[in-house]
Amino acid sequence: MIPRNDSLTGDWQFRQWLQSMLSFIATKVEHYRPLNDSGVEIEHGSVVYASGNDEMDLAIYDALSIEKERWIGVTEKDVPDGERGTIKNAGFVEALFEDGLDLSIKGALVYVSDSLAGAVTNVDSLGAVVGTLADASEYDGVPGSATYNPYAKIYLRSQCAGRN
């Protein structure tokens, strides 16, 4: 039931109700499980897009392809070909970063990589802005090192809007 909006108290109650409804909706659409029909396993932390005519099919996002203008989220786990995977499109998520980056600036913009399909970067690129860097304390972008870890936590934009 929508609260009445007939007084100053009603305005406050309406704003409270509206905020609680928006929070509820955000928790319901933050995750969903589309089908990986790309022909390859999609690594966790990869940026993906809706492929084909079915919005519930996904493939790895490639910033250099003009066919794939809209990313839909980031995979939370590896998604084998032919299986459904959990995609997160809002909030905090661990993302796959390019190798060799300096991720020392918390809050820096994060873009879809234009050199590694499905990955993200903090270097301004042709790809869409997907969010901001939240925690890179465990990131080690040096391939071959004993502590190699190409993942860092980002805060996704609440709306996947494609290229900016």
Protein backbone atom coordinates (compact mmCIF):
# COMPACT_ATOMS: atom_id res chain seq x y z
CA MET A 1 0.00 0.00 0.00
CA ILE A 2 1.34 3.43 -0.95
CA PRO A 3 1.26 5.83 2.01
CA ARG A 4 -0.78 9.00 1.66
CA ASN A 5 1.14 12.13 0.80
CA ASP A 6 -1.08 14.76 2.43
CA SER A 7 1.21 16.45 4.97
CA LEU A 8 4.82 17.06 5.86
CA THR A 9 4.75 13.79 7.82
CA GLY A 10 3.18 12.12 4.80
CA ASP A 11 6.03 13.39 2.59
CA TRP A 12 8.56 11.82 4.93
CA GLN A 13 6.59 8.56 5.07
CA PHE A 14 6.30 8.50 1.29
CA ARG A 15 10.06 9.03 0.86
CA GLN A 16 10.74 6.23 3.37
CA TRP A 17 8.34 3.91 1.54
CA LEU A 18 9.83 4.81 -1.85
CA GLN A 19 13.39 4.20 -0.60
CA SER A 20 12.42 0.81 0.84
CA MET A 21 10.73 -0.17 -2.46
CA LEU A 22 13.78 0.88 -4.50
CA SER A 23 16.08 -1.07 -2.18
CA PHE A 24 13.85 -4.13 -2.50
CA ILE A 25 13.83 -3.91 -6.30
CA ALA A 26 17.62 -3.46 -6.42
CA THR A 27 18.15 -6.66 -4.43
CA LYS A 28 15.89 -8.60 -6.78
CA VAL A 29 17.61 -7.51 -10.03
CA GLU A 30 21.21 -7.42 -8.81
CA HIS A 31 21.79 -11.08 -9.77
CA TYR A 32 20.39 -13.19 -12.56
CA ARG A 33 21.31 -16.43 -14.33
CA PRO A 34 21.61 -16.22 -18.12
CA LEU A 35 22.82 -19.07 -20.36
CA ASN A 36 26.40 -19.10 -21.67
CA ASP A 37 25.91 -19.89 -25.38
CA SER A 38 29.26 -18.44 -26.48
CA GLY A 39 31.07 -21.71 -27.25
CA VAL A 40 33.73 -21.12 -24.56
CA GLU A 41 33.90 -21.13 -20.76
CA ILE A 42 33.58 -17.62 -19.34
CA GLU A 43 36.04 -16.90 -16.53
CA HIS A 44 34.70 -15.45 -13.28
CA GLY A 45 35.08 -11.69 -13.07
CA SER A 46 34.50 -11.26 -16.81
CA VAL A 47 32.34 -8.52 -18.28
CA VAL A 48 29.60 -10.07 -20.40
CA TYR A 49 26.91 -8.90 -22.81
CA ALA A 50 23.53 -10.22 -23.95
CA SER A 51 24.14 -12.18 -27.14
CA GLY A 52 21.72 -13.14 -29.89
CA ASN A 53 18.03 -12.34 -29.71
CA ASP A 54 17.54 -13.74 -26.22
CA GLU A 55 18.35 -11.35 -23.36
CA MET A 56 19.08 -14.40 -21.18
CA ASP A 57 22.01 -15.59 -23.36
CA LEU A 58 25.48 -14.21 -22.68
CA ALA A 59 28.98 -14.00 -24.13
CA ILE A 60 32.26 -12.28 -23.24
CA TYR A 61 32.15 -8.53 -23.89
CA ASP A 62 34.68 -7.20 -26.40
CA ALA A 63 35.07 -3.40 -26.31
CA LEU A 64 36.44 -3.29 -29.86
CA SER A 65 33.42 -4.95 -31.43
CA ILE A 66 30.71 -2.55 -32.54
CA GLU A 67 28.22 -5.44 -32.42
CA LYS A 68 28.51 -5.72 -28.65
CA GLU A 69 27.61 -2.27 -27.42
CA ARG A 70 25.84 -3.22 -24.20
CA TRP A 71 27.49 -5.02 -21.31
CA ILE A 72 25.06 -6.53 -18.82
CA GLY A 73 27.21 -7.42 -15.83
CA VAL A 74 30.14 -9.37 -14.41
CA THR A 75 30.25 -13.14 -13.86
CA GLU A 76 30.55 -14.16 -10.22
CA LYS A 77 31.93 -17.66 -11.00
CA ASP A 78 33.31 -19.48 -14.03
CA VAL A 79 30.46 -20.24 -16.45
CA PRO A 80 31.02 -23.36 -18.58
CA ASP A 81 29.64 -23.27 -22.12
CA GLY A 82 26.02 -24.43 -22.24
CA GLU A 83 25.38 -23.71 -18.56
CA ARG A 84 23.75 -20.87 -16.65
CA GLY A 85 25.92 -18.51 -14.66
CA THR A 86 25.31 -15.89 -12.00
CA ILE A 87 25.75 -12.36 -13.32
CA LYS A 88 25.96 -9.36 -11.02
CA ASN A 89 25.02 -5.97 -12.44
CA ALA A 90 25.14 -3.76 -9.34
CA GLY A 91 27.11 -3.51 -6.12
CA PHE A 92 30.52 -4.99 -5.29
CA VAL A 93 32.05 -7.75 -7.42
CA GLU A 94 35.48 -9.23 -8.07
CA ALA A 95 36.54 -8.32 -11.61
CA LEU A 96 39.23 -9.64 -13.94
CA PHE A 97 41.81 -6.88 -14.61
CA GLU A 98 44.42 -6.52 -17.31
CA ASP A 99 47.96 -7.42 -16.24
CA GLY A 100 50.54 -4.83 -15.17
CA LEU A 101 48.29 -2.07 -13.84
CA ASP A 102 48.86 0.34 -10.96
CA LEU A 103 45.66 -0.01 -8.94
CA SER A 104 46.69 2.25 -6.06
CA ILE A 105 43.89 4.82 -6.45
CA LYS A 106 40.75 3.63 -4.71
CA GLY A 107 37.64 5.08 -6.35
CA ALA A 108 39.28 5.39 -9.80
CA LEU A 109 36.98 4.76 -12.76
CA VAL A 110 37.07 1.24 -14.17
CA TYR A 111 36.52 0.66 -17.90
CA VAL A 112 35.94 -2.39 -20.05
CA SER A 113 39.37 -3.27 -21.46
CA ASP A 114 39.94 -2.67 -25.16
CA SER A 115 42.92 -5.06 -25.22
CA LEU A 116 41.63 -8.15 -23.33
CA ALA A 117 38.05 -9.29 -23.97
CA GLY A 118 36.00 -9.56 -20.78
CA ALA A 119 38.60 -7.82 -18.61
CA VAL A 120 38.55 -4.35 -17.07
CA THR A 121 41.17 -1.65 -16.68
CA ASN A 122 41.67 1.63 -14.85
CA VAL A 123 43.20 3.15 -18.00
CA ASP A 124 40.73 5.23 -20.01
CA SER A 125 39.84 3.12 -23.03
CA LEU A 126 37.29 2.62 -25.80
CA GLY A 127 35.22 0.49 -23.46
CA ALA A 128 32.33 1.54 -21.26
CA VAL A 129 32.76 2.73 -17.69
CA VAL A 130 31.60 -0.19 -15.55
CA GLY A 131 32.24 1.20 -12.09
CA THR A 132 34.90 2.30 -9.64
CA LEU A 133 37.85 0.55 -8.00
CA ALA A 134 36.92 -0.56 -4.48
CA ASP A 135 39.75 -2.80 -3.21
CA ALA A 136 42.89 -3.89 -5.04
CA SER A 137 44.86 -5.06 -2.01
CA GLU A 138 45.21 -8.61 -3.37
CA TYR A 139 45.79 -7.67 -7.03
CA ASP A 140 49.15 -8.70 -8.49
CA GLY A 141 49.24 -8.11 -12.23
CA VAL A 142 52.66 -9.64 -12.85
CA PRO A 143 52.18 -12.93 -14.77
CA GLY A 144 54.51 -15.67 -13.54
CA SER A 145 54.97 -14.18 -10.06
CA ALA A 146 54.28 -16.42 -7.07
CA THR A 147 51.46 -14.11 -5.97
CA TYR A 148 49.90 -13.51 -9.42
CA ASN A 149 46.25 -12.54 -9.00
CA PRO A 150 44.51 -10.59 -11.81
CA TYR A 151 41.40 -9.86 -9.71
CA ALA A 152 40.34 -6.79 -7.74
CA LYS A 153 37.04 -5.72 -6.21
CA ILE A 154 35.05 -3.03 -8.01
CA TYR A 155 31.78 -1.27 -7.36
CA LEU A 156 29.58 -1.69 -10.44
CA ARG A 157 27.46 1.11 -11.77
CA SER A 158 23.85 0.42 -10.89
CA GLN A 159 22.75 0.54 -14.52
CA CYS A 160 24.57 -1.22 -17.32
CA ALA A 161 24.40 1.46 -19.98
CA GLY A 162 26.88 0.33 -22.61
CA ARG A 163 29.40 2.68 -24.16
CA ASN A 164 29.77 6.16 -22.63
